[in-house]
Amino acid sequence: MGRELRKEVIVGAPLSEVWRAWTTDAGAVTFFAPAAHIEAREGGAYELFFMLEAPEGSRGSEGCTVLGLEPERRLVVSWNFPPTLPTIRGEHTRVQVDVEPIDDDHTKVSVVQMGWREGDDWDQGFAYFDRAWALVLARLDHRFEAGPIDWNDPYTPAADEGR
């Protein structure tokens, strides 16, 4: 099975709203990144742009795609590494996002990142995404509690709030 990175959160929002947050440009910019290009279909783009001023190819998840989609249940995408890890930037893992209703107003979100290889760079990537997915899920939760993220002053949870 190999190494997997797992994170989860229960969000105070209905399943359909949480699903739209993950699968539309308008939803993703409320918690995930300042800009997005998402085509919610198998083979469609799943690109999030974190560094808008960076050169093309270094702005975020450019070139990542939707590998699988089960509406309001599961999203699977290819995922690249940040430019800070140039030796593996072009490599990809798989990220699976599962959403499950808890009740009418709460949704459990689980993120699993799979496809890790061995090596120091991959270990650095694992550590990077261990922190990054905790932040993404904290921002998702915050988005539904307090409103969309202000990318000019983004919400950053306290270090001890890790999930």
Foldseek 3Di string as FASTA:
>chain_A
DDDKQKDKDKAQAALVLLLCLQADQVNVCQFPAVTFDHDQDAFTDGWHFHQVPDPPVQRAQPPKGWHDDDPSFKTKIWGAAHVVLVVGRVPTWIKMWGWDDPDRGMIMIMIMTDDQDDDDSSVVRSVVVLVVVQRRVVRSRCCRVPNGADSVDGDDDDPVVGD
